[in-house]
Amino acid sequence: MPISVLVLDSEKVFQTSVARKLRLHDIRVLTRPGFEGLKPILESLRFDALLLDAALLRASLDPLRAVLAAHPAMAVILTASSEDAAVVRQTSALVAECLVKPIHPDTLLASVERHAGEKPECAD
């Protein structure tokens, strides 16, 4: 069964380039600009990994916690820019890996392949 990845990022250009790269390697990809309207998607589809822009968590970690509560086996790969250091620290126990933008496409692909289907170890 092919790997399935959900990409949540507010930058359409990033979404498009990531989706193109992953699809070239037979990875199924669904892109969304954020958490809004995500609940019915998560109720009907299964994803091996979530590629998540740290900027979407600047206001609160609650949306990520809700996703992980519903899908604890989904690996989270955080993508961050230099201004997201606080979010990176706060999510360290929730994510499998953090990649700093700009991300080389081969690095992104390797991360997805490495973590797809893996359950992150969460600190108590």
PDB file of N, CA and C in Angstrom:
ATOM      1  N   MET A   1       0.849  -1.175   0.000  1.00  0.00           N
ATOM      2  CA  MET A   1       0.000   0.000   0.000  1.00  0.00           C
ATOM      3  C   MET A   1       0.895   1.239   0.000  1.00  0.00           C
ATOM      4  N   PRO A   2       0.588   2.214  -0.850  1.00  0.00           N
ATOM      5  CA  PRO A   2       1.452   3.394  -0.929  1.00  0.00           C
ATOM      6  C   PRO A   2       1.371   4.251   0.334  1.00  0.00           C
ATOM      7  N   ILE A   3       2.433   4.976   0.560  1.00  0.00           N
ATOM      8  CA  ILE A   3       2.470   5.936   1.665  1.00  0.00           C
ATOM      9  C   ILE A   3       1.488   7.057   1.360  1.00  0.00           C
ATOM     10  N   SER A   4       0.814   7.539   2.392  1.00  0.00           N
ATOM     11  CA  SER A   4      -0.143   8.629   2.257  1.00  0.00           C
ATOM     12  C   SER A   4       0.249   9.751   3.216  1.00  0.00           C
ATOM     13  N   VAL A   5       0.364  10.971   2.676  1.00  0.00           N
ATOM     14  CA  VAL A   5       0.831  12.110   3.460  1.00  0.00           C
ATOM     15  C   VAL A   5      -0.167  13.262   3.371  1.00  0.00           C
ATOM     16  N   LEU A   6      -0.455  13.858   4.511  1.00  0.00           N
ATOM     17  CA  LEU A   6      -1.259  15.070   4.587  1.00  0.00           C
ATOM     18  C   LEU A   6      -0.303  16.235   4.788  1.00  0.00           C
ATOM     19  N   VAL A   7      -0.381  17.226   3.908  1.00  0.00           N
ATOM     20  CA  VAL A   7       0.482  18.407   3.989  1.00  0.00           C
ATOM     21  C   VAL A   7      -0.369  19.593   4.418  1.00  0.00           C
ATOM     22  N   LEU A   8      -0.046  20.162   5.585  1.00  0.00           N
ATOM     23  CA  LEU A   8      -0.725  21.368   6.065  1.00  0.00           C
ATOM     24  C   LEU A   8       0.282  22.503   6.056  1.00  0.00           C
ATOM     25  N   ASP A   9       0.084  23.433   5.135  1.00  0.00           N
ATOM     26  CA  ASP A   9       0.992  24.571   5.004  1.00  0.00           C
ATOM     27  C   ASP A   9       0.225  25.710   4.355  1.00  0.00           C
ATOM     28  N   SER A  10       0.380  26.912   4.883  1.00  0.00           N
ATOM     29  CA  SER A  10      -0.350  28.066   4.356  1.00  0.00           C
ATOM     30  C   SER A  10       0.236  28.593   3.050  1.00  0.00           C
ATOM     31  N   GLU A  11       1.445  28.172   2.697  1.00  0.00           N
ATOM     32  CA  GLU A  11       2.092  28.635   1.469  1.00  0.00           C
ATOM     33  C   GLU A  11       1.758  27.689   0.318  1.00  0.00           C
ATOM     34  N   LYS A  12       0.956  28.168  -0.626  1.00  0.00           N
ATOM     35  CA  LYS A  12       0.512  27.351  -1.756  1.00  0.00           C
ATOM     36  C   LYS A  12       1.690  26.845  -2.585  1.00  0.00           C
ATOM     37  N   VAL A  13       2.715  27.677  -2.774  1.00  0.00           N
ATOM     38  CA  VAL A  13       3.881  27.269  -3.559  1.00  0.00           C
ATOM     39  C   VAL A  13       4.578  26.083  -2.891  1.00  0.00           C
ATOM     40  N   PHE A  14       4.708  26.133  -1.567  1.00  0.00           N
ATOM     41  CA  PHE A  14       5.339  25.032  -0.837  1.00  0.00           C
ATOM     42  C   PHE A  14       4.495  23.768  -0.962  1.00  0.00           C
ATOM     43  N   GLN A  15       3.191  23.896  -0.772  1.00  0.00           N
ATOM     44  CA  GLN A  15       2.282  22.748  -0.905  1.00  0.00           C
ATOM     45  C   GLN A  15       2.455  22.069  -2.262  1.00  0.00           C
ATOM     46  N   THR A  16       2.440  22.893  -3.309  1.00  0.00           N
ATOM     47  CA  THR A  16       2.516  22.381  -4.676  1.00  0.00           C
ATOM     48  C   THR A  16       3.836  21.678  -4.950  1.00  0.00           C
ATOM     49  N   SER A  17       4.939  22.296  -4.540  1.00  0.00           N
ATOM     50  CA  SER A  17       6.244  21.691  -4.817  1.00  0.00           C
ATOM     51  C   SER A  17       6.446  20.398  -4.024  1.00  0.00           C
ATOM     52  N   VAL A  18       5.993  20.386  -2.779  1.00  0.00           N
ATOM     53  CA  VAL A  18       6.091  19.174  -1.959  1.00  0.00           C
ATOM     54  C   VAL A  18       5.244  18.055  -2.566  1.00  0.00           C
ATOM     55  N   ALA A  19       4.022  18.379  -2.922  1.00  0.00           N
ATOM     56  CA  ALA A  19       3.129  17.374  -3.497  1.00  0.00           C
ATOM     57  C   ALA A  19       3.716  16.791  -4.780  1.00  0.00           C
ATOM     58  N   ARG A  20       4.255  17.641  -5.624  1.00  0.00           N
ATOM     59  CA  ARG A  20       4.843  17.170  -6.881  1.00  0.00           C
ATOM     60  C   ARG A  20       6.005  16.205  -6.616  1.00  0.00           C
ATOM     61  N   LYS A  21       6.900  16.578  -5.715  1.00  0.00           N
ATOM     62  CA  LYS A  21       8.059  15.743  -5.402  1.00  0.00           C
ATOM     63  C   LYS A  21       7.624  14.387  -4.843  1.00  0.00           C
ATOM     64  N   LEU A  22       6.699  14.396  -3.900  1.00  0.00           N
ATOM     65  CA  LEU A  22       6.266  13.144  -3.280  1.00  0.00           C
ATOM     66  C   LEU A  22       5.510  12.253  -4.264  1.00  0.00           C
ATOM     67  N   ARG A  23       4.677  12.860  -5.099  1.00  0.00           N
ATOM     68  CA  ARG A  23       3.908  12.072  -6.076  1.00  0.00           C
ATOM     69  C   ARG A  23       4.812  11.402  -7.106  1.00  0.00           C
ATOM     70  N   LEU A  24       5.948  12.011  -7.408  1.00  0.00           N
ATOM     71  CA  LEU A  24       6.915  11.391  -8.322  1.00  0.00           C
ATOM     72  C   LEU A  24       7.426  10.063  -7.771  1.00  0.00           C
ATOM     73  N   HIS A  25       7.292   9.877  -6.466  1.00  0.00           N
ATOM     74  CA  HIS A  25       7.746   8.653  -5.804  1.00  0.00           C
ATOM     75  C   HIS A  25       6.571   7.800  -5.332  1.00  0.00           C
ATOM     76  N   ASP A  26       5.431   7.959  -6.013  1.00  0.00           N
ATOM     77  CA  ASP A  26       4.225   7.165  -5.748  1.00  0.00           C
ATOM     78  C   ASP A  26       3.703   7.313  -4.327  1.00  0.00           C
ATOM     79  N   ILE A  27       3.868   8.491  -3.763  1.00  0.00           N
ATOM     80  CA  ILE A  27       3.318   8.795  -2.443  1.00  0.00           C
ATOM     81  C   ILE A  27       2.031   9.583  -2.651  1.00  0.00           C
ATOM     82  N   ARG A  28       0.959   9.135  -2.011  1.00  0.00           N
ATOM     83  CA  ARG A  28      -0.322   9.855  -2.105  1.00  0.00           C
ATOM     84  C   ARG A  28      -0.250  11.090  -1.224  1.00  0.00           C
ATOM     85  N   VAL A  29      -0.726  12.216  -1.751  1.00  0.00           N
ATOM     86  CA  VAL A  29      -0.615  13.488  -1.035  1.00  0.00           C
ATOM     87  C   VAL A  29      -1.938  14.233  -1.084  1.00  0.00           C
ATOM     88  N   LEU A  30      -2.326  14.767   0.068  1.00  0.00           N
ATOM     89  CA  LEU A  30      -3.456  15.684   0.155  1.00  0.00           C
ATOM     90  C   LEU A  30      -2.931  16.952   0.803  1.00  0.00           C
ATOM     91  N   THR A  31      -3.194  18.102   0.187  1.00  0.00           N
ATOM     92  CA  THR A  31      -2.713  19.372   0.735  1.00  0.00           C
ATOM     93  C   THR A  31      -3.881  20.220   1.224  1.00  0.00           C
ATOM     94  N   ARG A  32      -3.629  20.946   2.290  1.00  0.00           N
ATOM     95  CA  ARG A  32      -4.593  21.882   2.867  1.00  0.00           C
ATOM     96  C   ARG A  32      -3.830  23.076   3.425  1.00  0.00           C
ATOM     97  N   PRO A  33      -4.472  24.262   3.455  1.00  0.00           N
ATOM     98  CA  PRO A  33      -3.793  25.455   3.970  1.00  0.00           C
ATOM     99  C   PRO A  33      -3.767  25.557   5.491  1.00  0.00           C
ATOM    100  N   GLY A  34      -4.471  24.676   6.184  1.00  0.00           N
ATOM    101  CA  GLY A  34      -4.500  24.749   7.644  1.00  0.00           C
ATOM    102  C   GLY A  34      -5.429  23.697   8.219  1.00  0.00           C
ATOM    103  N   PHE A  35      -5.733  23.843   9.503  1.00  0.00           N
ATOM    104  CA  PHE A  35      -6.544  22.859  10.226  1.00  0.00           C
ATOM    105  C   PHE A  35      -8.043  22.987   9.957  1.00  0.00           C
ATOM    106  N   GLU A  36      -8.487  24.124   9.451  1.00  0.00           N
ATOM    107  CA  GLU A  36      -9.915  24.360   9.242  1.00  0.00           C
ATOM    108  C   GLU A  36     -10.503  23.325   8.281  1.00  0.00           C
ATOM    109  N   GLY A  37     -11.611  22.730   8.688  1.00  0.00           N
ATOM    110  CA  GLY A  37     -12.300  21.746   7.866  1.00  0.00           C
ATOM    111  C   GLY A  37     -11.611  20.397   7.774  1.00  0.00           C
ATOM    112  N   LEU A  38     -10.666  20.143   8.647  1.00  0.00           N
ATOM    113  CA  LEU A  38      -9.865  18.920   8.579  1.00  0.00           C
ATOM    114  C   LEU A  38     -10.553  17.704   9.202  1.00  0.00           C
ATOM    115  N   LYS A  39     -11.443  17.923  10.152  1.00  0.00           N
ATOM    116  CA  LYS A  39     -12.047  16.812  10.890  1.00  0.00           C
ATOM    117  C   LYS A  39     -12.716  15.774   9.984  1.00  0.00           C
ATOM    118  N   PRO A  40     -13.579  16.172   9.031  1.00  0.00           N
ATOM    119  CA  PRO A  40     -14.208  15.145   8.187  1.00  0.00           C
ATOM    120  C   PRO A  40     -13.203  14.399   7.303  1.00  0.00           C
ATOM    121  N   ILE A  41     -12.137  15.069   6.915  1.00  0.00           N
ATOM    122  CA  ILE A  41     -11.099  14.418   6.111  1.00  0.00           C
ATOM    123  C   ILE A  41     -10.414  13.340   6.941  1.00  0.00           C
ATOM    124  N   LEU A  42     -10.071  13.685   8.172  1.00  0.00           N
ATOM    125  CA  LEU A  42      -9.389  12.729   9.047  1.00  0.00           C
ATOM    126  C   LEU A  42     -10.294  11.574   9.465  1.00  0.00           C
ATOM    127  N   GLU A  43     -11.608  11.811   9.450  1.00  0.00           N
ATOM    128  CA  GLU A  43     -12.551  10.745   9.788  1.00  0.00           C
ATOM    129  C   GLU A  43     -12.712   9.746   8.645  1.00  0.00           C
ATOM    130  N   SER A  44     -12.440  10.184   7.414  1.00  0.00           N
ATOM    131  CA  SER A  44     -12.687   9.308   6.267  1.00  0.00           C
ATOM    132  C   SER A  44     -11.424   8.776   5.589  1.00  0.00           C
ATOM    133  N   LEU A  45     -10.278   9.398   5.828  1.00  0.00           N
ATOM    134  CA  LEU A  45      -9.033   8.974   5.185  1.00  0.00           C
ATOM    135  C   LEU A  45      -7.964   8.669   6.220  1.00  0.00           C
ATOM    136  N   ARG A  46      -7.043   7.775   5.848  1.00  0.00           N
ATOM    137  CA  ARG A  46      -5.924   7.433   6.719  1.00  0.00           C
ATOM    138  C   ARG A  46      -4.645   8.000   6.116  1.00  0.00           C
ATOM    139  N   PHE A  47      -3.820   8.599   6.954  1.00  0.00           N
ATOM    140  CA  PHE A  47      -2.537   9.151   6.522  1.00  0.00           C
ATOM    141  C   PHE A  47      -1.427   8.525   7.354  1.00  0.00           C
ATOM    142  N   ASP A  48      -0.306   8.262   6.698  1.00  0.00           N
ATOM    143  CA  ASP A  48       0.858   7.717   7.393  1.00  0.00           C
ATOM    144  C   ASP A  48       1.665   8.815   8.066  1.00  0.00           C
ATOM    145  N   ALA A  49       1.624  10.002   7.468  1.00  0.00           N
ATOM    146  CA  ALA A  49       2.418  11.106   8.013  1.00  0.00           C
ATOM    147  C   ALA A  49       1.715  12.434   7.773  1.00  0.00           C
ATOM    148  N   LEU A  50       1.994  13.358   8.662  1.00  0.00           N
ATOM    149  CA  LEU A  50       1.507  14.731   8.563  1.00  0.00           C
ATOM    150  C   LEU A  50       2.726  15.626   8.425  1.00  0.00           C
ATOM    151  N   LEU A  51       2.804  16.340   7.314  1.00  0.00           N
ATOM    152  CA  LEU A  51       3.855  17.326   7.105  1.00  0.00           C
ATOM    153  C   LEU A  51       3.238  18.668   7.479  1.00  0.00           C
ATOM    154  N   LEU A  52       3.672  19.240   8.585  1.00  0.00           N
ATOM    155  CA  LEU A  52       2.986  20.368   9.211  1.00  0.00           C
ATOM    156  C   LEU A  52       3.876  21.593   9.336  1.00  0.00           C
ATOM    157  N   ASP A  53       3.386  22.718   8.850  1.00  0.00           N
ATOM    158  CA  ASP A  53       4.088  23.994   8.968  1.00  0.00           C
ATOM    159  C   ASP A  53       3.957  24.503  10.405  1.00  0.00           C
ATOM    160  N   ALA A  54       5.080  24.746  11.052  1.00  0.00           N
ATOM    161  CA  ALA A  54       5.085  25.224  12.440  1.00  0.00           C
ATOM    162  C   ALA A  54       4.332  26.537  12.601  1.00  0.00           C
ATOM    163  N   ALA A  55       4.275  27.345  11.559  1.00  0.00           N
ATOM    164  CA  ALA A  55       3.570  28.627  11.636  1.00  0.00           C
ATOM    165  C   ALA A  55       2.095  28.434  11.983  1.00  0.00           C
ATOM    166  N   LEU A  56       1.524  27.290  11.622  1.00  0.00           N
ATOM    167  CA  LEU A  56       0.116  27.019  11.929  1.00  0.00           C
ATOM    168  C   LEU A  56      -0.114  26.743  13.409  1.00  0.00           C
ATOM    169  N   LEU A  57       0.960  26.585  14.159  1.00  0.00           N
ATOM    170  CA  LEU A  57       0.855  26.288  15.592  1.00  0.00           C
ATOM    171  C   LEU A  57       1.266  27.463  16.471  1.00  0.00           C
ATOM    172  N   ARG A  58       1.546  28.602  15.891  1.00  0.00           N
ATOM    173  CA  ARG A  58       2.024  29.744  16.687  1.00  0.00           C
ATOM    174  C   ARG A  58       1.006  30.189  17.726  1.00  0.00           C
ATOM    175  N   ALA A  59      -0.281  30.096  17.406  1.00  0.00           N
ATOM    176  CA  ALA A  59      -1.315  30.536  18.348  1.00  0.00           C
ATOM    177  C   ALA A  59      -1.611  29.478  19.403  1.00  0.00           C
ATOM    178  N   SER A  60      -1.566  28.204  19.004  1.00  0.00           N
ATOM    179  CA  SER A  60      -1.931  27.135  19.936  1.00  0.00           C
ATOM    180  C   SER A  60      -1.486  25.780  19.393  1.00  0.00           C
ATOM    181  N   LEU A  61      -1.136  24.886  20.305  1.00  0.00           N
ATOM    182  CA  LEU A  61      -0.814  23.506  19.929  1.00  0.00           C
ATOM    183  C   LEU A  61      -2.054  22.614  19.928  1.00  0.00           C
ATOM    184  N   ASP A  62      -3.194  23.156  20.359  1.00  0.00           N
ATOM    185  CA  ASP A  62      -4.418  22.363  20.474  1.00  0.00           C
ATOM    186  C   ASP A  62      -4.830  21.659  19.178  1.00  0.00           C
ATOM    187  N   PRO A  63      -4.752  22.323  17.999  1.00  0.00           N
ATOM    188  CA  PRO A  63      -5.135  21.600  16.778  1.00  0.00           C
ATOM    189  C   PRO A  63      -4.273  20.357  16.529  1.00  0.00           C
ATOM    190  N   LEU A  64      -2.985  20.458  16.786  1.00  0.00           N
ATOM    191  CA  LEU A  64      -2.104  19.302  16.613  1.00  0.00           C
ATOM    192  C   LEU A  64      -2.445  18.214  17.627  1.00  0.00           C
ATOM    193  N   ARG A  65      -2.685  18.597  18.855  1.00  0.00           N
ATOM    194  CA  ARG A  65      -3.053  17.609  19.880  1.00  0.00           C
ATOM    195  C   ARG A  65      -4.342  16.874  19.511  1.00  0.00           C
ATOM    196  N   ALA A  66      -5.302  17.597  18.942  1.00  0.00           N
ATOM    197  CA  ALA A  66      -6.568  16.979  18.534  1.00  0.00           C
ATOM    198  C   ALA A  66      -6.344  15.970  17.408  1.00  0.00           C
ATOM    199  N   VAL A  67      -5.507  16.325  16.447  1.00  0.00           N
ATOM    200  CA  VAL A  67      -5.199  15.404  15.348  1.00  0.00           C
ATOM    201  C   VAL A  67      -4.526  14.150  15.887  1.00  0.00           C
ATOM    202  N   LEU A  68      -3.557  14.324  16.772  1.00  0.00           N
ATOM    203  CA  LEU A  68      -2.835  13.174  17.323  1.00  0.00           C
ATOM    204  C   LEU A  68      -3.709  12.324  18.238  1.00  0.00           C
ATOM    205  N   ALA A  69      -4.673  12.937  18.909  1.00  0.00           N
ATOM    206  CA  ALA A  69      -5.597  12.161  19.742  1.00  0.00           C
ATOM    207  C   ALA A  69      -6.448  11.238  18.869  1.00  0.00           C
ATOM    208  N   ALA A  70      -6.839  11.731  17.705  1.00  0.00           N
ATOM    209  CA  ALA A  70      -7.655  10.936  16.791  1.00  0.00           C
ATOM    210  C   ALA A  70      -6.824   9.933  15.989  1.00  0.00           C
ATOM    211  N   HIS A  71      -5.559  10.264  15.739  1.00  0.00           N
ATOM    212  CA  HIS A  71      -4.681   9.432  14.906  1.00  0.00           C
ATOM    213  C   HIS A  71      -3.300   9.324  15.539  1.00  0.00           C
ATOM    214  N   PRO A  72      -3.178   8.621  16.651  1.00  0.00           N
ATOM    215  CA  PRO A  72      -1.901   8.570  17.371  1.00  0.00           C
ATOM    216  C   PRO A  72      -0.763   7.899  16.612  1.00  0.00           C
ATOM    217  N   ALA A  73      -1.070   7.096  15.603  1.00  0.00           N
ATOM    218  CA  ALA A  73      -0.013   6.417  14.850  1.00  0.00           C
ATOM    219  C   ALA A  73       0.551   7.259  13.713  1.00  0.00           C
ATOM    220  N   MET A  74      -0.057   8.420  13.451  1.00  0.00           N
ATOM    221  CA  MET A  74       0.412   9.266  12.354  1.00  0.00           C
ATOM    222  C   MET A  74       1.672  10.023  12.783  1.00  0.00           C
ATOM    223  N   ALA A  75       2.747   9.853  12.027  1.00  0.00           N
ATOM    224  CA  ALA A  75       3.992  10.566  12.320  1.00  0.00           C
ATOM    225  C   ALA A  75       3.861  12.019  11.886  1.00  0.00           C
ATOM    226  N   VAL A  76       4.356  12.928  12.705  1.00  0.00           N
ATOM    227  CA  VAL A  76       4.311  14.354  12.385  1.00  0.00           C
ATOM    228  C   VAL A  76       5.722  14.818  12.059  1.00  0.00           C
ATOM    229  N   ILE A  77       5.856  15.412  10.878  1.00  0.00           N
ATOM    230  CA  ILE A  77       7.111  16.017  10.462  1.00  0.00           C
ATOM    231  C   ILE A  77       6.856  17.514  10.400  1.00  0.00           C
ATOM    232  N   LEU A  78       7.504  18.243  11.276  1.00  0.00           N
ATOM    233  CA  LEU A  78       7.308  19.684  11.387  1.00  0.00           C
ATOM    234  C   LEU A  78       8.248  20.393  10.427  1.00  0.00           C
ATOM    235  N   THR A  79       7.719  21.371   9.688  1.00  0.00           N
ATOM    236  CA  THR A  79       8.571  22.226   8.865  1.00  0.00           C
ATOM    237  C   THR A  79       8.563  23.601   9.502  1.00  0.00           C
ATOM    238  N   ALA A  80       9.731  24.178   9.666  1.00  0.00           N
ATOM    239  CA  ALA A  80       9.827  25.427  10.425  1.00  0.00           C
ATOM    240  C   ALA A  80      10.790  26.396   9.763  1.00  0.00           C
ATOM    241  N   SER A  81      10.544  27.669  10.022  1.00  0.00           N
ATOM    242  CA  SER A  81      11.483  28.710   9.607  1.00  0.00           C
ATOM    243  C   SER A  81      12.180  29.216  10.865  1.00  0.00           C
ATOM    244  N   SER A  82      13.098  30.125  10.691  1.00  0.00           N
ATOM    245  CA  SER A  82      13.895  30.594  11.831  1.00  0.00           C
ATOM    246  C   SER A  82      13.051  31.247  12.924  1.00  0.00           C
ATOM    247  N   GLU A  83      11.917  31.836  12.582  1.00  0.00           N
ATOM    248  CA  GLU A  83      11.091  32.487  13.609  1.00  0.00           C
ATOM    249  C   GLU A  83      10.188  31.522  14.379  1.00  0.00           C
ATOM    250  N   ASP A  84      10.288  30.241  14.102  1.00  0.00           N
ATOM    251  CA  ASP A  84       9.443  29.248  14.764  1.00  0.00           C
ATOM    252  C   ASP A  84      10.147  28.480  15.873  1.00  0.00           C
ATOM    253  N   ALA A  85      11.225  29.011  16.415  1.00  0.00           N
ATOM    254  CA  ALA A  85      12.008  28.298  17.435  1.00  0.00           C
ATOM    255  C   ALA A  85      11.163  27.919  18.650  1.00  0.00           C
ATOM    256  N   ALA A  86      10.276  28.808  19.092  1.00  0.00           N
ATOM    257  CA  ALA A  86       9.443  28.516  20.263  1.00  0.00           C
ATOM    258  C   ALA A  86       8.496  27.345  19.985  1.00  0.00           C
ATOM    259  N   VAL A  87       7.888  27.328  18.809  1.00  0.00           N
ATOM    260  CA  VAL A  87       6.984  26.236  18.442  1.00  0.00           C
ATOM    261  C   VAL A  87       7.755  24.923  18.362  1.00  0.00           C
ATOM    262  N   VAL A  88       8.951  24.970  17.804  1.00  0.00           N
ATOM    263  CA  VAL A  88       9.769  23.758  17.693  1.00  0.00           C
ATOM    264  C   VAL A  88      10.052  23.182  19.078  1.00  0.00           C
ATOM    265  N   ARG A  89      10.404  24.035  20.025  1.00  0.00           N
ATOM    266  CA  ARG A  89      10.663  23.565  21.399  1.00  0.00           C
ATOM    267  C   ARG A  89       9.404  22.966  22.022  1.00  0.00           C
ATOM    268  N   GLN A  90       8.263  23.622  21.840  1.00  0.00           N
ATOM    269  CA  GLN A  90       7.016  23.172  22.456  1.00  0.00           C
ATOM    270  C   GLN A  90       6.507  21.858  21.869  1.00  0.00           C
ATOM    271  N   THR A  91       6.845  21.574  20.629  1.00  0.00           N
ATOM    272  CA  THR A  91       6.321  20.375  19.971  1.00  0.00           C
ATOM    273  C   THR A  91       7.317  19.221  19.928  1.00  0.00           C
ATOM    274  N   SER A  92       8.460  19.380  20.541  1.00  0.00           N
ATOM    275  CA  SER A  92       9.516  18.369  20.401  1.00  0.00           C
ATOM    276  C   SER A  92       9.068  16.965  20.813  1.00  0.00           C
ATOM    277  N   ALA A  93       8.194  16.850  21.777  1.00  0.00           N
ATOM    278  CA  ALA A  93       7.724  15.531  22.217  1.00  0.00           C
ATOM    279  C   ALA A  93       6.604  14.979  21.333  1.00  0.00           C
ATOM    280  N   LEU A  94       6.061  15.818  20.458  1.00  0.00           N
ATOM    281  CA  LEU A  94       4.926  15.409  19.633  1.00  0.00           C
ATOM    282  C   LEU A  94       5.310  15.050  18.203  1.00  0.00           C
ATOM    283  N   VAL A  95       6.481  15.474  17.767  1.00  0.00           N
ATOM    284  CA  VAL A  95       6.843  15.304  16.363  1.00  0.00           C
ATOM    285  C   VAL A  95       7.966  14.284  16.197  1.00  0.00           C
ATOM    286  N   ALA A  96       7.979  13.644  15.040  1.00  0.00           N
ATOM    287  CA  ALA A  96       9.023  12.670  14.728  1.00  0.00           C
ATOM    288  C   ALA A  96      10.302  13.362  14.294  1.00  0.00           C
ATOM    289  N   GLU A  97      10.158  14.498  13.608  1.00  0.00           N
ATOM    290  CA  GLU A  97      11.320  15.214  13.089  1.00  0.00           C
ATOM    291  C   GLU A  97      10.923  16.646  12.782  1.00  0.00           C
ATOM    292  N   CYS A  98      11.908  17.526  12.823  1.00  0.00           N
ATOM    293  CA  CYS A  98      11.698  18.917  12.434  1.00  0.00           C
ATOM    294  C   CYS A  98      12.682  19.245  11.320  1.00  0.00           C
ATOM    295  N   LEU A  99      12.165  19.773  10.228  1.00  0.00           N
ATOM    296  CA  LEU A  99      12.981  20.186   9.092  1.00  0.00           C
ATOM    297  C   LEU A  99      12.904  21.700   8.974  1.00  0.00           C
ATOM    298  N   VAL A 100      14.043  22.342   8.786  1.00  0.00           N
ATOM    299  CA  VAL A 100      14.091  23.800   8.700  1.00  0.00           C
ATOM    300  C   VAL A 100      14.023  24.222   7.236  1.00  0.00           C
ATOM    301  N   LYS A 101      13.079  25.138   6.947  1.00  0.00           N
ATOM    302  CA  LYS A 101      12.921  25.676   5.595  1.00  0.00           C
ATOM    303  C   LYS A 101      14.075  26.620   5.276  1.00  0.00           C
ATOM    304  N   PRO A 102      14.549  26.666   4.055  1.00  0.00           N
ATOM    305  CA  PRO A 102      14.121  25.871   2.902  1.00  0.00           C
ATOM    306  C   PRO A 102      14.621  24.435   3.015  1.00  0.00           C
ATOM    307  N   ILE A 103      13.799  23.524   2.548  1.00  0.00           N
ATOM    308  CA  ILE A 103      14.094  22.094   2.668  1.00  0.00           C
ATOM    309  C   ILE A 103      14.426  21.535   1.290  1.00  0.00           C
ATOM    310  N   HIS A 104      15.544  20.865   1.185  1.00  0.00           N
ATOM    311  CA  HIS A 104      15.902  20.218  -0.078  1.00  0.00           C
ATOM    312  C   HIS A 104      14.894  19.094  -0.333  1.00  0.00           C
ATOM    313  N   PRO A 105      14.392  18.964  -1.549  1.00  0.00           N
ATOM    314  CA  PRO A 105      13.387  17.934  -1.839  1.00  0.00           C
ATOM    315  C   PRO A 105      13.810  16.515  -1.458  1.00  0.00           C
ATOM    316  N   ASP A 106      15.077  16.179  -1.637  1.00  0.00           N
ATOM    317  CA  ASP A 106      15.533  14.832  -1.278  1.00  0.00           C
ATOM    318  C   ASP A 106      15.507  14.612   0.236  1.00  0.00           C
ATOM    319  N   THR A 107      15.787  15.668   0.999  1.00  0.00           N
ATOM    320  CA  THR A 107      15.723  15.588   2.463  1.00  0.00           C
ATOM    321  C   THR A 107      14.288  15.342   2.914  1.00  0.00           C
ATOM    322  N   LEU A 108      13.358  16.052   2.294  1.00  0.00           N
ATOM    323  CA  LEU A 108      11.942  15.896   2.608  1.00  0.00           C
ATOM    324  C   LEU A 108      11.466  14.479   2.284  1.00  0.00           C
ATOM    325  N   LEU A 109      11.813  13.996   1.111  1.00  0.00           N
ATOM    326  CA  LEU A 109      11.419  12.650   0.704  1.00  0.00           C
ATOM    327  C   LEU A 109      11.973  11.603   1.668  1.00  0.00           C
ATOM    328  N   ALA A 110      13.236  11.735   2.029  1.00  0.00           N
ATOM    329  CA  ALA A 110      13.855  10.780   2.955  1.00  0.00           C
ATOM    330  C   ALA A 110      13.156  10.794   4.309  1.00  0.00           C
ATOM    331  N   SER A 111      12.775  11.969   4.781  1.00  0.00           N
ATOM    332  CA  SER A 111      12.088  12.081   6.067  1.00  0.00           C
ATOM    333  C   SER A 111      10.727  11.394   6.022  1.00  0.00           C
ATOM    334  N   VAL A 112       9.970  11.647   4.966  1.00  0.00           N
ATOM    335  CA  VAL A 112       8.649  11.025   4.830  1.00  0.00           C
ATOM    336  C   VAL A 112       8.788   9.504   4.775  1.00  0.00           C
ATOM    337  N   GLU A 113       9.717   9.016   3.972  1.00  0.00           N
ATOM    338  CA  GLU A 113       9.894   7.564   3.859  1.00  0.00           C
ATOM    339  C   GLU A 113      10.351   6.943   5.178  1.00  0.00           C
ATOM    340  N   ARG A 114      11.170   7.664   5.916  1.00  0.00           N
ATOM    341  CA  ARG A 114      11.692   7.165   7.197  1.00  0.00           C
ATOM    342  C   ARG A 114      10.600   7.091   8.266  1.00  0.00           C
ATOM    343  N   HIS A 115       9.707   8.073   8.287  1.00  0.00           N
ATOM    344  CA  HIS A 115       8.753   8.180   9.392  1.00  0.00           C
ATOM    345  C   HIS A 115       7.338   7.705   9.072  1.00  0.00           C
ATOM    346  N   ALA A 116       7.022   7.436   7.836  1.00  0.00           N
ATOM    347  CA  ALA A 116       5.653   7.041   7.474  1.00  0.00           C
ATOM    348  C   ALA A 116       5.252   5.786   8.234  1.00  0.00           C
ATOM    349  N   GLY A 117       4.137   5.872   8.922  1.00  0.00           N
ATOM    350  CA  GLY A 117       3.629   4.742   9.677  1.00  0.00           C
ATOM    351  C   GLY A 117       4.273   4.542  11.029  1.00  0.00           C
ATOM    352  N   GLU A 118       5.204   5.400  11.366  1.00  0.00           N
ATOM    353  CA  GLU A 118       5.911   5.284  12.646  1.00  0.00           C
ATOM    354  C   GLU A 118       5.173   6.087  13.709  1.00  0.00           C
ATOM    355  N   LYS A 119       5.030   5.527  14.874  1.00  0.00           N
ATOM    356  CA  LYS A 119       4.398   6.244  15.980  1.00  0.00           C
ATOM    357  C   LYS A 119       5.475   6.987  16.761  1.00  0.00           C
ATOM    358  N   PRO A 120       5.343   8.320  16.891  1.00  0.00           N
ATOM    359  CA  PRO A 120       6.359   9.052  17.639  1.00  0.00           C
ATOM    360  C   PRO A 120       6.336   8.690  19.115  1.00  0.00           C
ATOM    361  N   GLU A 121       7.487   8.717  19.721  1.00  0.00           N
ATOM    362  CA  GLU A 121       7.605   8.471  21.161  1.00  0.00           C
ATOM    363  C   GLU A 121       7.330   9.783  21.870  1.00  0.00           C
ATOM    364  N   CYS A 122       6.328   9.820  22.715  1.00  0.00           N
ATOM    365  CA  CYS A 122       5.957  11.058  23.397  1.00  0.00           C
ATOM    366  C   CYS A 122       6.436  11.017  24.839  1.00  0.00           C
ATOM    367  N   ALA A 123       7.020  12.115  25.258  1.00  0.00           N
ATOM    368  CA  ALA A 123       7.464  12.224  26.655  1.00  0.00           C
ATOM    369  C   ALA A 123       6.261  12.497  27.536  1.00  0.00           C
ATOM    370  N   ASP A 124       6.265  11.930  28.711  1.00  0.00           N
ATOM    371  CA  ASP A 124       5.154  12.165  29.650  1.00  0.00           C
ATOM    372  C   ASP A 124       5.418  13.377  30.500  1.00  0.00           C
TER     373      ASP A 124
END
